[in-house]
Amino acid sequence: MFWHRAHRSAFLLTLAIGPSVFWSTATVAQAVVDCYSVGSRVAEQNGGTLVQATEATEGGRTVCKVVVVIPGNSGERPKRAEFVVPAN
């Protein structure tokens, strides 16, 4: 393979800058809220089954909107309950 001087400097620049670009995207991915685990906890606390857990923003704060199906008593229909839980 033929390497020209211009290619070599661009390659070295990519090696120098590349890790900082990839490192910054990794930290952003870690900041993602895990609403599934929040929803699982809410479902367990209420004796139900997790149906849906989505991330939302309300009033500038990140929250998880959780939908849980709770079994009915004495043959009643299951109840669908919605919870808005802080993402922390």
PDB file of N, CA and C in Angstrom:
ATOM      1  N   MET A   1       0.835  -1.171   0.000  1.00  0.00           N
ATOM      2  CA  MET A   1       0.000   0.000   0.000  1.00  0.00           C
ATOM      3  C   MET A   1       0.887   1.244   0.000  1.00  0.00           C
ATOM      4  N   PHE A   2       0.509   2.202  -0.793  1.00  0.00           N
ATOM      5  CA  PHE A   2       1.296   3.412  -0.932  1.00  0.00           C
ATOM      6  C   PHE A   2       0.806   4.475   0.052  1.00  0.00           C
ATOM      7  N   TRP A   3       1.708   4.959   0.893  1.00  0.00           N
ATOM      8  CA  TRP A   3       1.360   6.006   1.857  1.00  0.00           C
ATOM      9  C   TRP A   3       2.016   7.308   1.442  1.00  0.00           C
ATOM     10  N   HIS A   4       1.220   8.280   1.218  1.00  0.00           N
ATOM     11  CA  HIS A   4       1.733   9.594   0.903  1.00  0.00           C
ATOM     12  C   HIS A   4       1.893  10.354   2.220  1.00  0.00           C
ATOM     13  N   ARG A   5       2.754  11.345   2.241  1.00  0.00           N
ATOM     14  CA  ARG A   5       2.970  12.105   3.469  1.00  0.00           C
ATOM     15  C   ARG A   5       1.672  12.735   3.992  1.00  0.00           C
ATOM     16  N   ALA A   6       0.801  13.178   3.114  1.00  0.00           N
ATOM     17  CA  ALA A   6      -0.466  13.797   3.533  1.00  0.00           C
ATOM     18  C   ALA A   6      -1.356  12.767   4.242  1.00  0.00           C
ATOM     19  N   HIS A   7      -1.370  11.550   3.762  1.00  0.00           N
ATOM     20  CA  HIS A   7      -2.179  10.507   4.394  1.00  0.00           C
ATOM     21  C   HIS A   7      -1.644  10.172   5.783  1.00  0.00           C
ATOM     22  N   ARG A   8      -0.341  10.174   5.896  1.00  0.00           N
ATOM     23  CA  ARG A   8       0.269   9.809   7.168  1.00  0.00           C
ATOM     24  C   ARG A   8      -0.081  10.814   8.262  1.00  0.00           C
ATOM     25  N   SER A   9      -0.037  12.102   7.965  1.00  0.00           N
ATOM     26  CA  SER A   9      -0.358  13.104   8.980  1.00  0.00           C
ATOM     27  C   SER A   9      -1.841  13.051   9.348  1.00  0.00           C
ATOM     28  N   ALA A  10      -2.718  12.799   8.368  1.00  0.00           N
ATOM     29  CA  ALA A  10      -4.148  12.677   8.656  1.00  0.00           C
ATOM     30  C   ALA A  10      -4.406  11.459   9.528  1.00  0.00           C
ATOM     31  N   PHE A  11      -3.695  10.369   9.259  1.00  0.00           N
ATOM     32  CA  PHE A  11      -3.842   9.152  10.051  1.00  0.00           C
ATOM     33  C   PHE A  11      -3.401   9.390  11.497  1.00  0.00           C
ATOM     34  N   LEU A  12      -2.269  10.056  11.674  1.00  0.00           N
ATOM     35  CA  LEU A  12      -1.791  10.346  13.026  1.00  0.00           C
ATOM     36  C   LEU A  12      -2.735  11.287  13.768  1.00  0.00           C
ATOM     37  N   LEU A  13      -3.318  12.240  13.065  1.00  0.00           N
ATOM     38  CA  LEU A  13      -4.279  13.155  13.670  1.00  0.00           C
ATOM     39  C   LEU A  13      -5.528  12.378  14.115  1.00  0.00           C
ATOM     40  N   THR A  14      -5.968  11.451  13.301  1.00  0.00           N
ATOM     41  CA  THR A  14      -7.124  10.619  13.654  1.00  0.00           C
ATOM     42  C   THR A  14      -6.828   9.790  14.891  1.00  0.00           C
ATOM     43  N   LEU A  15      -5.635   9.245  14.991  1.00  0.00           N
ATOM     44  CA  LEU A  15      -5.260   8.475  16.178  1.00  0.00           C
ATOM     45  C   LEU A  15      -5.225   9.342  17.432  1.00  0.00           C
ATOM     46  N   ALA A  16      -4.830  10.594  17.280  1.00  0.00           N
ATOM     47  CA  ALA A  16      -4.734  11.493  18.432  1.00  0.00           C
ATOM     48  C   ALA A  16      -6.115  11.972  18.891  1.00  0.00           C
ATOM     49  N   ILE A  17      -6.988  12.280  17.946  1.00  0.00           N
ATOM     50  CA  ILE A  17      -8.302  12.832  18.283  1.00  0.00           C
ATOM     51  C   ILE A  17      -9.337  11.736  18.510  1.00  0.00           C
ATOM     52  N   GLY A  18      -9.218  10.638  17.850  1.00  0.00           N
ATOM     53  CA  GLY A  18     -10.204   9.563  17.889  1.00  0.00           C
ATOM     54  C   GLY A  18     -10.647   9.124  19.271  1.00  0.00           C
ATOM     55  N   PRO A  19      -9.734   8.805  20.182  1.00  0.00           N
ATOM     56  CA  PRO A  19     -10.173   8.352  21.504  1.00  0.00           C
ATOM     57  C   PRO A  19     -11.025   9.360  22.252  1.00  0.00           C
ATOM     58  N   SER A  20     -10.749  10.648  22.103  1.00  0.00           N
ATOM     59  CA  SER A  20     -11.567  11.639  22.810  1.00  0.00           C
ATOM     60  C   SER A  20     -12.976  11.683  22.249  1.00  0.00           C
ATOM     61  N   VAL A  21     -13.116  11.469  20.949  1.00  0.00           N
ATOM     62  CA  VAL A  21     -14.448  11.450  20.345  1.00  0.00           C
ATOM     63  C   VAL A  21     -15.215  10.227  20.824  1.00  0.00           C
ATOM     64  N   PHE A  22     -14.592   9.063  20.814  1.00  0.00           N
ATOM     65  CA  PHE A  22     -15.270   7.853  21.252  1.00  0.00           C
ATOM     66  C   PHE A  22     -15.528   7.870  22.756  1.00  0.00           C
ATOM     67  N   TRP A  23     -14.642   8.434  23.522  1.00  0.00           N
ATOM     68  CA  TRP A  23     -14.814   8.476  24.978  1.00  0.00           C
ATOM     69  C   TRP A  23     -16.010   9.343  25.348  1.00  0.00           C
ATOM     70  N   SER A  24     -16.187  10.484  24.687  1.00  0.00           N
ATOM     71  CA  SER A  24     -17.306  11.366  25.013  1.00  0.00           C
ATOM     72  C   SER A  24     -18.636  10.709  24.693  1.00  0.00           C
ATOM     73  N   THR A  25     -18.734   9.919  23.622  1.00  0.00           N
ATOM     74  CA  THR A  25     -19.999   9.249  23.309  1.00  0.00           C
ATOM     75  C   THR A  25     -20.291   8.144  24.301  1.00  0.00           C
ATOM     76  N   ALA A  26     -19.267   7.523  24.869  1.00  0.00           N
ATOM     77  CA  ALA A  26     -19.492   6.476  25.854  1.00  0.00           C
ATOM     78  C   ALA A  26     -20.083   7.054  27.132  1.00  0.00           C
ATOM     79  N   THR A  27     -19.648   8.237  27.522  1.00  0.00           N
ATOM     80  CA  THR A  27     -20.196   8.829  28.743  1.00  0.00           C
ATOM     81  C   THR A  27     -21.626   9.269  28.536  1.00  0.00           C
ATOM     82  N   VAL A  28     -21.998   9.685  27.334  1.00  0.00           N
ATOM     83  CA  VAL A  28     -23.382  10.046  27.052  1.00  0.00           C
ATOM     84  C   VAL A  28     -24.262   8.811  27.135  1.00  0.00           C
ATOM     85  N   ALA A  29     -23.796   7.686  26.641  1.00  0.00           N
ATOM     86  CA  ALA A  29     -24.581   6.455  26.686  1.00  0.00           C
ATOM     87  C   ALA A  29     -24.819   6.010  28.121  1.00  0.00           C
ATOM     88  N   GLN A  30     -23.904   6.277  29.021  1.00  0.00           N
ATOM     89  CA  GLN A  30     -24.069   5.887  30.411  1.00  0.00           C
ATOM     90  C   GLN A  30     -25.106   6.754  31.108  1.00  0.00           C
ATOM     91  N   ALA A  31     -25.402   7.934  30.587  1.00  0.00           N
ATOM     92  CA  ALA A  31     -26.340   8.840  31.214  1.00  0.00           C
ATOM     93  C   ALA A  31     -27.790   8.506  30.876  1.00  0.00           C
ATOM     94  N   VAL A  32     -28.023   7.539  29.997  1.00  0.00           N
ATOM     95  CA  VAL A  32     -29.367   7.150  29.609  1.00  0.00           C
ATOM     96  C   VAL A  32     -30.086   6.540  30.809  1.00  0.00           C
ATOM     97  N   VAL A  33     -31.325   6.931  30.984  1.00  0.00           N
ATOM     98  CA  VAL A  33     -32.127   6.453  32.103  1.00  0.00           C
ATOM     99  C   VAL A  33     -32.623   5.040  31.801  1.00  0.00           C
ATOM    100  N   ASP A  34     -32.557   4.172  32.792  1.00  0.00           N
ATOM    101  CA  ASP A  34     -33.026   2.804  32.645  1.00  0.00           C
ATOM    102  C   ASP A  34     -34.436   2.699  33.219  1.00  0.00           C
ATOM    103  N   CYS A  35     -35.429   3.082  32.428  1.00  0.00           N
ATOM    104  CA  CYS A  35     -36.814   3.078  32.894  1.00  0.00           C
ATOM    105  C   CYS A  35     -37.343   1.657  33.078  1.00  0.00           C
ATOM    106  N   TYR A  36     -36.747   0.690  32.405  1.00  0.00           N
ATOM    107  CA  TYR A  36     -37.203  -0.685  32.573  1.00  0.00           C
ATOM    108  C   TYR A  36     -36.992  -1.152  34.012  1.00  0.00           C
ATOM    109  N   SER A  37     -35.831  -0.878  34.581  1.00  0.00           N
ATOM    110  CA  SER A  37     -35.585  -1.301  35.961  1.00  0.00           C
ATOM    111  C   SER A  37     -36.449  -0.514  36.944  1.00  0.00           C
ATOM    112  N   VAL A  38     -36.683   0.779  36.657  1.00  0.00           N
ATOM    113  CA  VAL A  38     -37.571   1.583  37.493  1.00  0.00           C
ATOM    114  C   VAL A  38     -38.986   1.005  37.430  1.00  0.00           C
ATOM    115  N   GLY A  39     -39.435   0.673  36.225  1.00  0.00           N
ATOM    116  CA  GLY A  39     -40.767   0.093  36.040  1.00  0.00           C
ATOM    117  C   GLY A  39     -40.911  -1.255  36.707  1.00  0.00           C
ATOM    118  N   SER A  40     -39.879  -2.068  36.649  1.00  0.00           N
ATOM    119  CA  SER A  40     -39.916  -3.381  37.312  1.00  0.00           C
ATOM    120  C   SER A  40     -40.071  -3.221  38.815  1.00  0.00           C
ATOM    121  N   ARG A  41     -39.378  -2.247  39.373  1.00  0.00           N
ATOM    122  CA  ARG A  41     -39.483  -1.995  40.808  1.00  0.00           C
ATOM    123  C   ARG A  41     -40.888  -1.535  41.187  1.00  0.00           C
ATOM    124  N   VAL A  42     -41.483  -0.639  40.384  1.00  0.00           N
ATOM    125  CA  VAL A  42     -42.831  -0.143  40.642  1.00  0.00           C
ATOM    126  C   VAL A  42     -43.842  -1.285  40.533  1.00  0.00           C
ATOM    127  N   ALA A  43     -43.694  -2.138  39.527  1.00  0.00           N
ATOM    128  CA  ALA A  43     -44.610  -3.267  39.357  1.00  0.00           C
ATOM    129  C   ALA A  43     -44.518  -4.222  40.540  1.00  0.00           C
ATOM    130  N   GLU A  44     -43.317  -4.489  41.002  1.00  0.00           N
ATOM    131  CA  GLU A  44     -43.121  -5.385  42.143  1.00  0.00           C
ATOM    132  C   GLU A  44     -43.735  -4.794  43.413  1.00  0.00           C
ATOM    133  N   GLN A  45     -43.576  -3.503  43.619  1.00  0.00           N
ATOM    134  CA  GLN A  45     -44.123  -2.848  44.811  1.00  0.00           C
ATOM    135  C   GLN A  45     -45.650  -2.873  44.834  1.00  0.00           C
ATOM    136  N   ASN A  46     -46.271  -2.896  43.641  1.00  0.00           N
ATOM    137  CA  ASN A  46     -47.725  -2.863  43.555  1.00  0.00           C
ATOM    138  C   ASN A  46     -48.337  -4.234  43.268  1.00  0.00           C
ATOM    139  N   GLY A  47     -47.523  -5.267  43.216  1.00  0.00           N
ATOM    140  CA  GLY A  47     -48.025  -6.621  42.984  1.00  0.00           C
ATOM    141  C   GLY A  47     -48.580  -6.837  41.592  1.00  0.00           C
ATOM    142  N   GLY A  48     -48.026  -6.149  40.618  1.00  0.00           N
ATOM    143  CA  GLY A  48     -48.523  -6.255  39.248  1.00  0.00           C
ATOM    144  C   GLY A  48     -47.457  -6.683  38.270  1.00  0.00           C
ATOM    145  N   THR A  49     -47.800  -6.547  36.989  1.00  0.00           N
ATOM    146  CA  THR A  49     -46.904  -6.913  35.898  1.00  0.00           C
ATOM    147  C   THR A  49     -46.595  -5.676  35.071  1.00  0.00           C
ATOM    148  N   LEU A  50     -45.330  -5.467  34.783  1.00  0.00           N
ATOM    149  CA  LEU A  50     -44.907  -4.324  33.981  1.00  0.00           C
ATOM    150  C   LEU A  50     -45.371  -4.502  32.539  1.00  0.00           C
ATOM    151  N   VAL A  51     -46.055  -3.481  32.008  1.00  0.00           N
ATOM    152  CA  VAL A  51     -46.514  -3.508  30.621  1.00  0.00           C
ATOM    153  C   VAL A  51     -45.655  -2.596  29.763  1.00  0.00           C
ATOM    154  N   GLN A  52     -45.364  -1.391  30.286  1.00  0.00           N
ATOM    155  CA  GLN A  52     -44.617  -0.414  29.499  1.00  0.00           C
ATOM    156  C   GLN A  52     -43.863   0.525  30.424  1.00  0.00           C
ATOM    157  N   ALA A  53     -42.680   0.928  30.016  1.00  0.00           N
ATOM    158  CA  ALA A  53     -41.886   1.913  30.753  1.00  0.00           C
ATOM    159  C   ALA A  53     -41.165   2.787  29.734  1.00  0.00           C
ATOM    160  N   THR A  54     -41.498   4.081  29.724  1.00  0.00           N
ATOM    161  CA  THR A  54     -40.894   4.986  28.758  1.00  0.00           C
ATOM    162  C   THR A  54     -40.335   6.210  29.469  1.00  0.00           C
ATOM    163  N   GLU A  55     -39.311   6.782  28.872  1.00  0.00           N
ATOM    164  CA  GLU A  55     -38.672   7.989  29.406  1.00  0.00           C
ATOM    165  C   GLU A  55     -39.399   9.209  28.864  1.00  0.00           C
ATOM    166  N   ALA A  56     -39.588  10.221  29.718  1.00  0.00           N
ATOM    167  CA  ALA A  56     -40.242  11.457  29.300  1.00  0.00           C
ATOM    168  C   ALA A  56     -39.639  12.624  30.076  1.00  0.00           C
ATOM    169  N   THR A  57     -39.930  13.830  29.619  1.00  0.00           N
ATOM    170  CA  THR A  57     -39.481  15.029  30.315  1.00  0.00           C
ATOM    171  C   THR A  57     -40.716  15.821  30.717  1.00  0.00           C
ATOM    172  N   GLU A  58     -40.823  16.106  32.005  1.00  0.00           N
ATOM    173  CA  GLU A  58     -41.939  16.907  32.519  1.00  0.00           C
ATOM    174  C   GLU A  58     -41.378  17.996  33.423  1.00  0.00           C
ATOM    175  N   GLY A  59     -41.665  19.229  33.078  1.00  0.00           N
ATOM    176  CA  GLY A  59     -41.171  20.351  33.881  1.00  0.00           C
ATOM    177  C   GLY A  59     -39.655  20.443  33.923  1.00  0.00           C
ATOM    178  N   GLY A  60     -38.996  20.011  32.864  1.00  0.00           N
ATOM    179  CA  GLY A  60     -37.543  20.066  32.815  1.00  0.00           C
ATOM    180  C   GLY A  60     -36.852  18.924  33.534  1.00  0.00           C
ATOM    181  N   ARG A  61     -37.616  17.992  34.100  1.00  0.00           N
ATOM    182  CA  ARG A  61     -37.032  16.847  34.807  1.00  0.00           C
ATOM    183  C   ARG A  61     -37.295  15.570  34.018  1.00  0.00           C
ATOM    184  N   THR A  62     -36.357  14.663  34.061  1.00  0.00           N
ATOM    185  CA  THR A  62     -36.512  13.383  33.394  1.00  0.00           C
ATOM    186  C   THR A  62     -37.284  12.441  34.306  1.00  0.00           C
ATOM    187  N   VAL A  63     -38.361  11.873  33.769  1.00  0.00           N
ATOM    188  CA  VAL A  63     -39.192  10.940  34.525  1.00  0.00           C
ATOM    189  C   VAL A  63     -39.408   9.677  33.705  1.00  0.00           C
ATOM    190  N   CYS A  64     -39.879   8.633  34.376  1.00  0.00           N
ATOM    191  CA  CYS A  64     -40.260   7.399  33.706  1.00  0.00           C
ATOM    192  C   CYS A  64     -41.767   7.246  33.833  1.00  0.00           C
ATOM    193  N   LYS A  65     -42.442   7.064  32.706  1.00  0.00           N
ATOM    194  CA  LYS A  65     -43.870   6.786  32.711  1.00  0.00           C
ATOM    195  C   LYS A  65     -44.023   5.264  32.655  1.00  0.00           C
ATOM    196  N   VAL A  66     -44.643   4.718  33.686  1.00  0.00           N
ATOM    197  CA  VAL A  66     -44.715   3.274  33.859  1.00  0.00           C
ATOM    198  C   VAL A  66     -46.179   2.840  33.822  1.00  0.00           C
ATOM    199  N   VAL A  67     -46.479   1.792  33.060  1.00  0.00           N
ATOM    200  CA  VAL A  67     -47.813   1.204  33.012  1.00  0.00           C
ATOM    201  C   VAL A  67     -47.723  -0.193  33.594  1.00  0.00           C
ATOM    202  N   VAL A  68     -48.583  -0.460  34.580  1.00  0.00           N
ATOM    203  CA  VAL A  68     -48.584  -1.742  35.283  1.00  0.00           C
ATOM    204  C   VAL A  68     -49.992  -2.309  35.253  1.00  0.00           C
ATOM    205  N   VAL A  69     -50.130  -3.621  35.069  1.00  0.00           N
ATOM    206  CA  VAL A  69     -51.411  -4.302  35.185  1.00  0.00           C
ATOM    207  C   VAL A  69     -51.424  -5.011  36.531  1.00  0.00           C
ATOM    208  N   ILE A  70     -52.432  -4.645  37.356  1.00  0.00           N
ATOM    209  CA  ILE A  70     -52.556  -5.210  38.701  1.00  0.00           C
ATOM    210  C   ILE A  70     -53.740  -6.171  38.708  1.00  0.00           C
ATOM    211  N   PRO A  71     -53.539  -7.426  39.150  1.00  0.00           N
ATOM    212  CA  PRO A  71     -54.634  -8.400  39.157  1.00  0.00           C
ATOM    213  C   PRO A  71     -55.799  -7.926  40.028  1.00  0.00           C
ATOM    214  N   GLY A  72     -57.033  -8.227  39.571  1.00  0.00           N
ATOM    215  CA  GLY A  72     -58.219  -7.864  40.336  1.00  0.00           C
ATOM    216  C   GLY A  72     -58.448  -8.825  41.489  1.00  0.00           C
ATOM    217  N   ASN A  73     -59.295  -8.405  42.440  1.00  0.00           N
ATOM    218  CA  ASN A  73     -59.627  -9.241  43.591  1.00  0.00           C
ATOM    219  C   ASN A  73     -60.906 -10.025  43.323  1.00  0.00           C
ATOM    220  N   SER A  74     -60.974 -11.246  43.781  1.00  0.00           N
ATOM    221  CA  SER A  74     -62.186 -12.083  43.720  1.00  0.00           C
ATOM    222  C   SER A  74     -62.773 -12.159  42.317  1.00  0.00           C
ATOM    223  N   GLY A  75     -61.959 -12.439  41.325  1.00  0.00           N
ATOM    224  CA  GLY A  75     -62.445 -12.624  39.958  1.00  0.00           C
ATOM    225  C   GLY A  75     -62.698 -11.335  39.196  1.00  0.00           C
ATOM    226  N   GLU A  76     -62.373 -10.182  39.760  1.00  0.00           N
ATOM    227  CA  GLU A  76     -62.539  -8.920  39.041  1.00  0.00           C
ATOM    228  C   GLU A  76     -61.509  -8.805  37.929  1.00  0.00           C
ATOM    229  N   ARG A  77     -61.795  -7.918  36.999  1.00  0.00           N
ATOM    230  CA  ARG A  77     -60.851  -7.681  35.914  1.00  0.00           C
ATOM    231  C   ARG A  77     -59.574  -7.044  36.453  1.00  0.00           C
ATOM    232  N   PRO A  78     -58.448  -7.298  35.784  1.00  0.00           N
ATOM    233  CA  PRO A  78     -57.196  -6.628  36.186  1.00  0.00           C
ATOM    234  C   PRO A  78     -57.324  -5.117  35.978  1.00  0.00           C
ATOM    235  N   LYS A  79     -56.606  -4.369  36.787  1.00  0.00           N
ATOM    236  CA  LYS A  79     -56.631  -2.911  36.682  1.00  0.00           C
ATOM    237  C   LYS A  79     -55.339  -2.426  36.037  1.00  0.00           C
ATOM    238  N   ARG A  80     -55.491  -1.469  35.140  1.00  0.00           N
ATOM    239  CA  ARG A  80     -54.346  -0.847  34.486  1.00  0.00           C
ATOM    240  C   ARG A  80     -54.012   0.421  35.256  1.00  0.00           C
ATOM    241  N   ALA A  81     -52.792   0.521  35.729  1.00  0.00           N
ATOM    242  CA  ALA A  81     -52.376   1.682  36.511  1.00  0.00           C
ATOM    243  C   ALA A  81     -51.179   2.344  35.847  1.00  0.00           C
ATOM    244  N   GLU A  82     -51.199   3.661  35.806  1.00  0.00           N
ATOM    245  CA  GLU A  82     -50.085   4.431  35.251  1.00  0.00           C
ATOM    246  C   GLU A  82     -49.407   5.204  36.369  1.00  0.00           C
ATOM    247  N   PHE A  83     -48.082   5.187  36.364  1.00  0.00           N
ATOM    248  CA  PHE A  83     -47.290   5.879  37.365  1.00  0.00           C
ATOM    249  C   PHE A  83     -46.276   6.770  36.667  1.00  0.00           C
ATOM    250  N   VAL A  84     -46.027   7.946  37.225  1.00  0.00           N
ATOM    251  CA  VAL A  84     -44.957   8.818  36.759  1.00  0.00           C
ATOM    252  C   VAL A  84     -43.951   8.886  37.896  1.00  0.00           C
ATOM    253  N   VAL A  85     -42.762   8.341  37.649  1.00  0.00           N
ATOM    254  CA  VAL A  85     -41.743   8.173  38.680  1.00  0.00           C
ATOM    255  C   VAL A  85     -40.492   8.961  38.292  1.00  0.00           C
ATOM    256  N   PRO A  86     -39.875   9.676  39.243  1.00  0.00           N
ATOM    257  CA  PRO A  86     -38.601  10.342  38.916  1.00  0.00           C
ATOM    258  C   PRO A  86     -37.574   9.320  38.426  1.00  0.00           C
ATOM    259  N   ALA A  87     -36.788   9.713  37.460  1.00  0.00           N
ATOM    260  CA  ALA A  87     -35.836   8.798  36.842  1.00  0.00           C
ATOM    261  C   ALA A  87     -34.637   8.480  37.725  1.00  0.00           C
ATOM    262  N   ASN A  88     -34.477   9.153  38.819  1.00  0.00           N
ATOM    263  CA  ASN A  88     -33.300   8.929  39.676  1.00  0.00           C
ATOM    264  C   ASN A  88     -33.360   7.580  40.307  1.00  0.00           C
TER     265      ASN A  88
END
